[in-house]
Amino acid sequence: MKTSRLFSTSHEITLYHRIRAIHDLHPTNMMLLPF
């Protein structure tokens, strides 16, 4: 379970950074996504 949770957290962080990268490339997307 601990490994599963760690994987889940890592996945969430990856998604977060991916979304941030999209925002850095296209600032207008910030108005469309609640992040």
N, C-alpha and C. Protein backbone atom coordinates (compact mmCIF):
# COMPACT_ATOMS: atom_id res chain seq x y z
N MET A 1 0.84 -1.21 0.00
CA MET A 1 0.00 0.00 0.00
C MET A 1 0.87 1.25 0.00
N LYS A 2 1.95 1.21 0.76
CA LYS A 2 2.82 2.37 0.82
C LYS A 2 3.40 2.68 -0.57
N THR A 3 3.82 1.63 -1.27
CA THR A 3 4.36 1.82 -2.62
C THR A 3 3.29 2.36 -3.54
N SER A 4 2.07 1.87 -3.41
CA SER A 4 0.97 2.31 -4.25
C SER A 4 0.71 3.79 -4.02
N ARG A 5 0.71 4.21 -2.77
CA ARG A 5 0.46 5.62 -2.44
C ARG A 5 1.60 6.48 -2.98
N LEU A 6 2.80 5.99 -2.87
CA LEU A 6 3.95 6.75 -3.35
C LEU A 6 3.85 6.94 -4.86
N PHE A 7 3.42 5.89 -5.56
CA PHE A 7 3.26 5.97 -7.01
C PHE A 7 2.17 6.98 -7.34
N SER A 8 1.09 6.95 -6.58
CA SER A 8 -0.02 7.87 -6.82
C SER A 8 0.44 9.32 -6.63
N THR A 9 1.21 9.57 -5.59
CA THR A 9 1.71 10.91 -5.33
C THR A 9 2.63 11.35 -6.46
N SER A 10 3.50 10.46 -6.89
CA SER A 10 4.42 10.78 -7.98
C SER A 10 3.65 11.11 -9.25
N HIS A 11 2.60 10.35 -9.49
CA HIS A 11 1.78 10.58 -10.69
C HIS A 11 1.09 11.94 -10.61
N GLU A 12 0.60 12.29 -9.43
CA GLU A 12 -0.08 13.58 -9.26
C GLU A 12 0.91 14.72 -9.48
N ILE A 13 2.13 14.55 -8.99
CA ILE A 13 3.16 15.59 -9.17
C ILE A 13 3.49 15.74 -10.65
N THR A 14 3.58 14.60 -11.35
CA THR A 14 3.88 14.64 -12.79
C THR A 14 2.78 15.39 -13.53
N LEU A 15 1.53 15.11 -13.19
CA LEU A 15 0.41 15.80 -13.84
C LEU A 15 0.47 17.29 -13.54
N TYR A 16 0.79 17.63 -12.28
CA TYR A 16 0.85 19.03 -11.88
C TYR A 16 1.91 19.78 -12.69
N HIS A 17 3.11 19.19 -12.79
CA HIS A 17 4.18 19.84 -13.54
C HIS A 17 3.84 19.94 -15.03
N ARG A 18 3.14 18.92 -15.54
CA ARG A 18 2.75 18.95 -16.96
C ARG A 18 1.78 20.10 -17.20
N ILE A 19 0.84 20.28 -16.28
CA ILE A 19 -0.14 21.37 -16.41
C ILE A 19 0.57 22.72 -16.29
N ARG A 20 1.51 22.81 -15.36
CA ARG A 20 2.26 24.06 -15.18
C ARG A 20 3.05 24.38 -16.44
N ALA A 21 3.63 23.36 -17.07
CA ALA A 21 4.40 23.57 -18.30
C ALA A 21 3.49 24.11 -19.40
N ILE A 22 2.28 23.57 -19.48
CA ILE A 22 1.32 24.04 -20.48
C ILE A 22 0.98 25.50 -20.22
N HIS A 23 0.82 25.85 -18.94
CA HIS A 23 0.49 27.23 -18.59
C HIS A 23 1.65 28.16 -18.93
N ASP A 24 2.88 27.67 -18.73
CA ASP A 24 4.05 28.50 -19.03
C ASP A 24 4.14 28.78 -20.53
N LEU A 25 3.73 27.78 -21.32
CA LEU A 25 3.79 27.93 -22.77
C LEU A 25 2.60 28.74 -23.29
N HIS A 26 1.44 28.53 -22.66
CA HIS A 26 0.22 29.22 -23.09
C HIS A 26 -0.49 29.84 -21.89
N PRO A 27 -0.08 31.03 -21.48
CA PRO A 27 -0.65 31.69 -20.30
C PRO A 27 -2.16 31.87 -20.38
N THR A 28 -2.71 31.95 -21.58
CA THR A 28 -4.15 32.15 -21.70
C THR A 28 -4.93 30.95 -21.19
N ASN A 29 -4.28 29.78 -21.14
CA ASN A 29 -4.97 28.59 -20.66
C ASN A 29 -5.29 28.71 -19.17
N MET A 30 -4.62 29.62 -18.46
CA MET A 30 -4.88 29.79 -17.03
C MET A 30 -6.32 30.22 -16.79
N MET A 31 -6.88 30.92 -17.75
CA MET A 31 -8.27 31.37 -17.59
C MET A 31 -9.25 30.23 -17.84
N LEU A 32 -8.78 29.19 -18.52
CA LEU A 32 -9.68 28.08 -18.85
C LEU A 32 -9.60 26.95 -17.83
N LEU A 33 -8.45 26.82 -17.17
CA LEU A 33 -8.28 25.73 -16.20
C LEU A 33 -8.13 26.28 -14.79
N PRO A 34 -8.80 25.66 -13.83
CA PRO A 34 -8.76 26.13 -12.44
C PRO A 34 -7.50 25.68 -11.70
N PHE A 35 -6.33 26.04 -12.20
CA PHE A 35 -5.09 25.66 -11.51
C PHE A 35 -4.26 26.90 -11.27
